[in-house]
Amino acid sequence: MRDHTKLRAFELADEVVLLIYRATREFPKEKMYGLTSQMRRAAVSVPSNIVEGCARESQAEYLRFLEIAFGSLRELHYQLGLSKRLGYFDEYDISNCESKIVEAEKVLGALLQASLYELRPDKSINAQITQVL
């Protein structure tokens, strides 16, 4: 079992959750059960899946949960952009959230790469994954 609290990816994901919750407080009330809820769920999903993956014994399961976390982070990044286009964010909030999400994507992507290499040290497979990330 791994300790999620020692992972920079987890720390960043946790910071993203706090930023998203604070920023979406200012969203229109009629969006509470739509985009607001969706963004909050996607944000919480990232650190939650990292934690669950760390609790798994096999490297393959760990990797699977990291991939799910990465997918949720990308989903959140899209929703952030959509919220910006809809005019729900002020420039300070969007800049703060976006830079933290991008940093989290980079760190989680690197963790995925390293974990994939441990599972499958075949460099040709890893090169293909790198192109996707």
C-alpha atoms as a PDB file:
ATOM      1  CA  MET A   1       0.000   0.000   0.000  1.00  0.00           C
ATOM      2  CA  ARG A   2       1.184   3.497  -0.858  1.00  0.00           C
ATOM      3  CA  ASP A   3       0.859   6.683   1.192  1.00  0.00           C
ATOM      4  CA  HIS A   4      -1.129   9.175  -0.886  1.00  0.00           C
ATOM      5  CA  THR A   5      -0.144  12.054   1.394  1.00  0.00           C
ATOM      6  CA  LYS A   6       3.427  11.796   0.117  1.00  0.00           C
ATOM      7  CA  LEU A   7       2.401  12.336  -3.509  1.00  0.00           C
ATOM      8  CA  ARG A   8       2.696  15.827  -4.982  1.00  0.00           C
ATOM      9  CA  ALA A   9      -0.099  14.873  -7.397  1.00  0.00           C
ATOM     10  CA  PHE A  10      -2.429  14.328  -4.439  1.00  0.00           C
ATOM     11  CA  GLU A  11      -1.459  17.643  -2.828  1.00  0.00           C
ATOM     12  CA  LEU A  12      -2.159  19.535  -6.049  1.00  0.00           C
ATOM     13  CA  ALA A  13      -5.438  17.707  -6.640  1.00  0.00           C
ATOM     14  CA  ASP A  14      -6.544  18.599  -3.118  1.00  0.00           C
ATOM     15  CA  GLU A  15      -5.680  22.263  -3.740  1.00  0.00           C
ATOM     16  CA  VAL A  16      -7.696  22.163  -6.980  1.00  0.00           C
ATOM     17  CA  VAL A  17     -10.767  20.934  -5.063  1.00  0.00           C
ATOM     18  CA  LEU A  18     -10.556  23.843  -2.641  1.00  0.00           C
ATOM     19  CA  LEU A  19     -10.119  26.367  -5.466  1.00  0.00           C
ATOM     20  CA  ILE A  20     -13.059  24.959  -7.425  1.00  0.00           C
ATOM     21  CA  TYR A  21     -15.370  24.938  -4.408  1.00  0.00           C
ATOM     22  CA  ARG A  22     -14.484  28.548  -3.596  1.00  0.00           C
ATOM     23  CA  ALA A  23     -14.777  29.729  -7.198  1.00  0.00           C
ATOM     24  CA  THR A  24     -18.098  28.013  -7.904  1.00  0.00           C
ATOM     25  CA  ARG A  25     -19.702  29.649  -4.868  1.00  0.00           C
ATOM     26  CA  GLU A  26     -20.098  32.709  -7.073  1.00  0.00           C
ATOM     27  CA  PHE A  27     -21.827  30.819  -9.923  1.00  0.00           C
ATOM     28  CA  PRO A  28     -25.475  31.657 -10.622  1.00  0.00           C
ATOM     29  CA  LYS A  29     -27.764  29.811  -8.200  1.00  0.00           C
ATOM     30  CA  GLU A  30     -29.714  28.210 -11.051  1.00  0.00           C
ATOM     31  CA  LYS A  31     -26.491  26.425 -12.088  1.00  0.00           C
ATOM     32  CA  MET A  32     -26.122  24.768  -8.661  1.00  0.00           C
ATOM     33  CA  TYR A  33     -27.421  21.399  -9.893  1.00  0.00           C
ATOM     34  CA  GLY A  34     -25.832  21.632 -13.321  1.00  0.00           C
ATOM     35  CA  LEU A  35     -22.360  22.861 -14.076  1.00  0.00           C
ATOM     36  CA  THR A  36     -21.517  23.768 -10.467  1.00  0.00           C
ATOM     37  CA  SER A  37     -22.275  20.266  -9.242  1.00  0.00           C
ATOM     38  CA  GLN A  38     -20.524  18.648 -12.202  1.00  0.00           C
ATOM     39  CA  MET A  39     -17.345  20.665 -11.662  1.00  0.00           C
ATOM     40  CA  ARG A  40     -17.299  19.928  -7.952  1.00  0.00           C
ATOM     41  CA  ARG A  41     -17.795  16.200  -8.542  1.00  0.00           C
ATOM     42  CA  ALA A  42     -15.023  16.095 -11.155  1.00  0.00           C
ATOM     43  CA  ALA A  43     -12.690  18.024  -8.837  1.00  0.00           C
ATOM     44  CA  VAL A  44     -13.338  15.731  -5.851  1.00  0.00           C
ATOM     45  CA  SER A  45     -12.939  12.676  -8.072  1.00  0.00           C
ATOM     46  CA  VAL A  46      -9.265  13.456  -8.754  1.00  0.00           C
ATOM     47  CA  PRO A  47      -7.816  13.175  -5.221  1.00  0.00           C
ATOM     48  CA  SER A  48     -10.380  10.506  -4.327  1.00  0.00           C
ATOM     49  CA  ASN A  49      -9.175   8.233  -7.115  1.00  0.00           C
ATOM     50  CA  ILE A  50      -5.546   8.863  -6.204  1.00  0.00           C
ATOM     51  CA  VAL A  51      -6.338   7.806  -2.628  1.00  0.00           C
ATOM     52  CA  GLU A  52      -8.239   4.726  -3.770  1.00  0.00           C
ATOM     53  CA  GLY A  53      -5.453   3.742  -6.151  1.00  0.00           C
ATOM     54  CA  CYS A  54      -2.886   4.060  -3.383  1.00  0.00           C
ATOM     55  CA  ALA A  55      -4.956   1.673  -1.274  1.00  0.00           C
ATOM     56  CA  ARG A  56      -4.769  -1.031  -3.949  1.00  0.00           C
ATOM     57  CA  GLU A  57      -2.137  -3.738  -3.761  1.00  0.00           C
ATOM     58  CA  SER A  58      -1.390  -4.320  -7.439  1.00  0.00           C
ATOM     59  CA  GLN A  59       0.481  -1.901  -9.671  1.00  0.00           C
ATOM     60  CA  ALA A  60      -2.112  -2.442 -12.414  1.00  0.00           C
ATOM     61  CA  GLU A  61      -4.983  -1.363 -10.159  1.00  0.00           C
ATOM     62  CA  TYR A  62      -2.985   1.600  -8.898  1.00  0.00           C
ATOM     63  CA  LEU A  63      -2.388   2.680 -12.487  1.00  0.00           C
ATOM     64  CA  ARG A  64      -6.068   2.236 -13.371  1.00  0.00           C
ATOM     65  CA  PHE A  65      -7.144   4.627 -10.609  1.00  0.00           C
ATOM     66  CA  LEU A  66      -4.477   7.158 -11.584  1.00  0.00           C
ATOM     67  CA  GLU A  67      -5.841   7.043 -15.129  1.00  0.00           C
ATOM     68  CA  ILE A  68      -9.363   7.679 -13.838  1.00  0.00           C
ATOM     69  CA  ALA A  69      -8.056  10.602 -11.770  1.00  0.00           C
ATOM     70  CA  PHE A  70      -6.306  12.019 -14.832  1.00  0.00           C
ATOM     71  CA  GLY A  71      -9.501  11.707 -16.878  1.00  0.00           C
ATOM     72  CA  SER A  72     -11.469  13.574 -14.207  1.00  0.00           C
ATOM     73  CA  LEU A  73      -8.847  16.305 -14.153  1.00  0.00           C
ATOM     74  CA  ARG A  74      -9.091  16.738 -17.934  1.00  0.00           C
ATOM     75  CA  GLU A  75     -12.888  16.804 -17.647  1.00  0.00           C
ATOM     76  CA  LEU A  76     -12.610  19.555 -15.040  1.00  0.00           C
ATOM     77  CA  HIS A  77     -10.239  21.517 -17.271  1.00  0.00           C
ATOM     78  CA  TYR A  78     -12.851  21.480 -20.045  1.00  0.00           C
ATOM     79  CA  GLN A  79     -15.613  22.541 -17.632  1.00  0.00           C
ATOM     80  CA  LEU A  80     -13.440  25.395 -16.404  1.00  0.00           C
ATOM     81  CA  GLY A  81     -13.045  26.656 -19.957  1.00  0.00           C
ATOM     82  CA  LEU A  82     -16.777  26.319 -20.554  1.00  0.00           C
ATOM     83  CA  SER A  83     -17.505  28.293 -17.383  1.00  0.00           C
ATOM     84  CA  LYS A  84     -15.149  31.006 -18.565  1.00  0.00           C
ATOM     85  CA  ARG A  85     -16.886  31.214 -21.950  1.00  0.00           C
ATOM     86  CA  LEU A  86     -20.239  31.443 -20.178  1.00  0.00           C
ATOM     87  CA  GLY A  87     -18.921  34.350 -18.093  1.00  0.00           C
ATOM     88  CA  TYR A  88     -19.158  32.659 -14.684  1.00  0.00           C
ATOM     89  CA  PHE A  89     -15.553  33.330 -13.641  1.00  0.00           C
ATOM     90  CA  ASP A  90     -13.707  36.544 -13.043  1.00  0.00           C
ATOM     91  CA  GLU A  91     -10.183  36.749 -14.475  1.00  0.00           C
ATOM     92  CA  TYR A  92      -8.434  36.214 -11.123  1.00  0.00           C
ATOM     93  CA  ASP A  93     -10.365  33.034 -10.296  1.00  0.00           C
ATOM     94  CA  ILE A  94      -9.951  31.552 -13.762  1.00  0.00           C
ATOM     95  CA  SER A  95      -6.221  32.255 -13.799  1.00  0.00           C
ATOM     96  CA  ASN A  96      -5.726  30.727 -10.347  1.00  0.00           C
ATOM     97  CA  CYS A  97      -7.768  27.623 -11.112  1.00  0.00           C
ATOM     98  CA  GLU A  98      -6.351  27.071 -14.570  1.00  0.00           C
ATOM     99  CA  SER A  99      -2.720  27.331 -13.524  1.00  0.00           C
ATOM    100  CA  LYS A 100      -3.291  24.889 -10.645  1.00  0.00           C
ATOM    101  CA  ILE A 101      -5.132  22.429 -12.923  1.00  0.00           C
ATOM    102  CA  VAL A 102      -2.360  22.580 -15.528  1.00  0.00           C
ATOM    103  CA  GLU A 103       0.270  21.970 -12.857  1.00  0.00           C
ATOM    104  CA  ALA A 104      -1.748  19.036 -11.486  1.00  0.00           C
ATOM    105  CA  GLU A 105      -2.110  17.590 -15.009  1.00  0.00           C
ATOM    106  CA  LYS A 106       1.647  17.726 -15.517  1.00  0.00           C
ATOM    107  CA  VAL A 107       2.479  16.142 -12.176  1.00  0.00           C
ATOM    108  CA  LEU A 108      -0.216  13.468 -12.402  1.00  0.00           C
ATOM    109  CA  GLY A 109       0.779  12.750 -16.001  1.00  0.00           C
ATOM    110  CA  ALA A 110       4.392  12.244 -14.916  1.00  0.00           C
ATOM    111  CA  LEU A 111       3.269   9.961 -12.092  1.00  0.00           C
ATOM    112  CA  LEU A 112       1.226   7.958 -14.595  1.00  0.00           C
ATOM    113  CA  GLN A 113       4.266   7.689 -16.853  1.00  0.00           C
ATOM    114  CA  ALA A 114       6.503   6.468 -14.058  1.00  0.00           C
ATOM    115  CA  SER A 115       3.887   3.991 -12.837  1.00  0.00           C
ATOM    116  CA  LEU A 116       3.318   2.687 -16.337  1.00  0.00           C
ATOM    117  CA  TYR A 117       7.037   2.187 -16.790  1.00  0.00           C
ATOM    118  CA  GLU A 118       7.172   0.136 -13.571  1.00  0.00           C
ATOM    119  CA  LEU A 119       4.318  -2.012 -14.853  1.00  0.00           C
ATOM    120  CA  ARG A 120       5.576  -2.316 -18.428  1.00  0.00           C
ATOM    121  CA  PRO A 121       9.180  -1.329 -18.980  1.00  0.00           C
ATOM    122  CA  ASP A 122       8.671  -1.691 -22.772  1.00  0.00           C
ATOM    123  CA  LYS A 123       9.677   1.759 -24.033  1.00  0.00           C
ATOM    124  CA  SER A 124       7.664   1.541 -27.262  1.00  0.00           C
ATOM    125  CA  ILE A 125       4.402   1.272 -25.292  1.00  0.00           C
ATOM    126  CA  ASN A 126       5.448   4.143 -23.044  1.00  0.00           C
ATOM    127  CA  ALA A 127       6.302   6.305 -26.059  1.00  0.00           C
ATOM    128  CA  GLN A 128       2.764   5.807 -27.358  1.00  0.00           C
ATOM    129  CA  ILE A 129       1.280   6.770 -24.004  1.00  0.00           C
ATOM    130  CA  THR A 130       3.496   9.867 -23.841  1.00  0.00           C
ATOM    131  CA  GLN A 131       2.020  11.107 -27.103  1.00  0.00           C
ATOM    132  CA  VAL A 132      -1.489  10.810 -25.655  1.00  0.00           C
ATOM    133  CA  LEU A 133      -0.578  12.625 -22.434  1.00  0.00           C
END
